[in-house]
Amino acid sequence: MASIRDLKKDINNVLGDLIEAVYLVEATSDKEFSKEGSGIIDNAIDTFDDLIAKVNNKDVKNRKKHLQEVRNELEAKAKDLSEKINKL
């Protein structure tokens, strides 16, 4: 299914961009490898693992609804992570 492939790409791209943003913020503010930045990166990686596992879960009754919930969760987590990045 193309939508599943696209969802996986979206998960990878969004969370990858957020991790890159942490590195950019830390590099420009002389806070390289801060605890806060590392925590955000770890959270993004855990979110990635969790969302990919949910996408790969085929034991759901309504697959389309399940994938839409995963997409909504991605948006919520990305918003939360971007707010944390802005506080760095």
C-alpha atoms as a PDB file:
ATOM      1  CA  MET A   1       0.000   0.000   0.000  1.00  0.00           C
ATOM      2  CA  ALA A   2       1.332   3.363  -0.989  1.00  0.00           C
ATOM      3  CA  SER A   3      -0.238   5.087   1.993  1.00  0.00           C
ATOM      4  CA  ILE A   4       1.664   2.873   4.419  1.00  0.00           C
ATOM      5  CA  ARG A   5       4.928   3.578   2.624  1.00  0.00           C
ATOM      6  CA  ASP A   6       4.160   7.301   2.659  1.00  0.00           C
ATOM      7  CA  LEU A   7       3.295   7.196   6.358  1.00  0.00           C
ATOM      8  CA  LYS A   8       6.591   5.489   7.152  1.00  0.00           C
ATOM      9  CA  LYS A   9       8.444   8.107   5.095  1.00  0.00           C
ATOM     10  CA  ASP A  10       6.584  10.881   6.896  1.00  0.00           C
ATOM     11  CA  ILE A  11       7.500   9.416  10.284  1.00  0.00           C
ATOM     12  CA  ASN A  12      11.137   9.142   9.260  1.00  0.00           C
ATOM     13  CA  ASN A  13      11.323  12.608   7.701  1.00  0.00           C
ATOM     14  CA  VAL A  14       9.477  14.501  10.431  1.00  0.00           C
ATOM     15  CA  LEU A  15      11.382  12.955  13.320  1.00  0.00           C
ATOM     16  CA  GLY A  16      14.684  13.151  11.415  1.00  0.00           C
ATOM     17  CA  ASP A  17      14.119  16.851  10.799  1.00  0.00           C
ATOM     18  CA  LEU A  18      13.387  17.399  14.487  1.00  0.00           C
ATOM     19  CA  ILE A  19      16.607  15.633  15.491  1.00  0.00           C
ATOM     20  CA  GLU A  20      18.513  17.748  12.982  1.00  0.00           C
ATOM     21  CA  ALA A  21      16.890  20.868  14.439  1.00  0.00           C
ATOM     22  CA  VAL A  22      18.204  19.936  17.888  1.00  0.00           C
ATOM     23  CA  TYR A  23      21.728  19.676  16.489  1.00  0.00           C
ATOM     24  CA  LEU A  24      21.385  23.041  14.748  1.00  0.00           C
ATOM     25  CA  VAL A  25      20.073  24.790  17.856  1.00  0.00           C
ATOM     26  CA  GLU A  26      22.838  23.344  19.982  1.00  0.00           C
ATOM     27  CA  ALA A  27      25.537  24.211  17.451  1.00  0.00           C
ATOM     28  CA  THR A  28      24.401  27.816  17.162  1.00  0.00           C
ATOM     29  CA  SER A  29      23.985  28.354  20.894  1.00  0.00           C
ATOM     30  CA  ASP A  30      27.209  26.706  22.118  1.00  0.00           C
ATOM     31  CA  LYS A  31      25.209  24.117  24.098  1.00  0.00           C
ATOM     32  CA  GLU A  32      26.521  21.084  22.268  1.00  0.00           C
ATOM     33  CA  PHE A  33      25.438  17.766  23.781  1.00  0.00           C
ATOM     34  CA  SER A  34      23.243  19.290  26.456  1.00  0.00           C
ATOM     35  CA  LYS A  35      21.066  17.050  28.617  1.00  0.00           C
ATOM     36  CA  GLU A  36      17.931  18.702  27.295  1.00  0.00           C
ATOM     37  CA  GLY A  37      18.961  18.191  23.671  1.00  0.00           C
ATOM     38  CA  SER A  38      19.916  14.588  24.291  1.00  0.00           C
ATOM     39  CA  GLY A  39      16.575  14.000  25.985  1.00  0.00           C
ATOM     40  CA  ILE A  40      14.694  15.408  22.996  1.00  0.00           C
ATOM     41  CA  ILE A  41      16.703  13.236  20.604  1.00  0.00           C
ATOM     42  CA  ASP A  42      16.075  10.132  22.733  1.00  0.00           C
ATOM     43  CA  ASN A  43      12.378  10.977  22.852  1.00  0.00           C
ATOM     44  CA  ALA A  44      12.286  11.354  19.044  1.00  0.00           C
ATOM     45  CA  ILE A  45      13.993   7.994  18.568  1.00  0.00           C
ATOM     46  CA  ASP A  46      11.605   6.285  20.996  1.00  0.00           C
ATOM     47  CA  THR A  47       8.665   7.911  19.196  1.00  0.00           C
ATOM     48  CA  PHE A  48      10.001   6.665  15.863  1.00  0.00           C
ATOM     49  CA  ASP A  49      10.315   3.102  17.144  1.00  0.00           C
ATOM     50  CA  ASP A  50       6.844   3.215  18.691  1.00  0.00           C
ATOM     51  CA  LEU A  51       5.120   4.630  15.607  1.00  0.00           C
ATOM     52  CA  ILE A  52       6.820   2.244  13.173  1.00  0.00           C
ATOM     53  CA  ALA A  53       5.796  -0.682  15.392  1.00  0.00           C
ATOM     54  CA  LYS A  54       2.211   0.569  15.324  1.00  0.00           C
ATOM     55  CA  VAL A  55       2.272   0.910  11.526  1.00  0.00           C
ATOM     56  CA  ASN A  56       3.605  -2.634  11.193  1.00  0.00           C
ATOM     57  CA  ASN A  57       0.931  -4.025  13.531  1.00  0.00           C
ATOM     58  CA  LYS A  58      -1.497  -5.894  11.289  1.00  0.00           C
ATOM     59  CA  ASP A  59      -3.655  -7.305  14.078  1.00  0.00           C
ATOM     60  CA  VAL A  60      -6.168  -4.463  14.111  1.00  0.00           C
ATOM     61  CA  LYS A  61      -9.813  -4.580  13.068  1.00  0.00           C
ATOM     62  CA  ASN A  62      -9.969  -1.331  11.101  1.00  0.00           C
ATOM     63  CA  ARG A  63      -6.545  -0.815   9.498  1.00  0.00           C
ATOM     64  CA  LYS A  64      -7.428   2.497   7.843  1.00  0.00           C
ATOM     65  CA  LYS A  65      -8.630   4.028  11.108  1.00  0.00           C
ATOM     66  CA  HIS A  66      -5.587   2.638  12.920  1.00  0.00           C
ATOM     67  CA  LEU A  67      -3.203   4.248  10.423  1.00  0.00           C
ATOM     68  CA  GLN A  68      -5.050   7.560  10.700  1.00  0.00           C
ATOM     69  CA  GLU A  69      -4.601   7.397  14.481  1.00  0.00           C
ATOM     70  CA  VAL A  70      -0.881   6.769  13.972  1.00  0.00           C
ATOM     71  CA  ARG A  71      -0.691   9.826  11.686  1.00  0.00           C
ATOM     72  CA  ASN A  72      -2.513  11.935  14.295  1.00  0.00           C
ATOM     73  CA  GLU A  73      -0.145  10.678  16.993  1.00  0.00           C
ATOM     74  CA  LEU A  74       2.824  11.631  14.789  1.00  0.00           C
ATOM     75  CA  GLU A  75       1.471  15.159  14.460  1.00  0.00           C
ATOM     76  CA  ALA A  76       0.907  15.471  18.211  1.00  0.00           C
ATOM     77  CA  LYS A  77       4.348  14.116  19.111  1.00  0.00           C
ATOM     78  CA  ALA A  78       6.046  16.293  16.491  1.00  0.00           C
ATOM     79  CA  LYS A  79       4.315  19.385  17.853  1.00  0.00           C
ATOM     80  CA  ASP A  80       5.366  18.488  21.393  1.00  0.00           C
ATOM     81  CA  LEU A  81       8.973  17.878  20.358  1.00  0.00           C
ATOM     82  CA  SER A  82       9.141  21.107  18.338  1.00  0.00           C
ATOM     83  CA  GLU A  83       7.912  23.071  21.373  1.00  0.00           C
ATOM     84  CA  LYS A  84      10.692  21.503  23.447  1.00  0.00           C
ATOM     85  CA  ILE A  85      13.224  22.418  20.765  1.00  0.00           C
ATOM     86  CA  ASN A  86      12.020  26.005  20.793  1.00  0.00           C
ATOM     87  CA  LYS A  87      12.674  26.141  24.555  1.00  0.00           C
ATOM     88  CA  LEU A  88      16.328  25.115  24.126  1.00  0.00           C
END
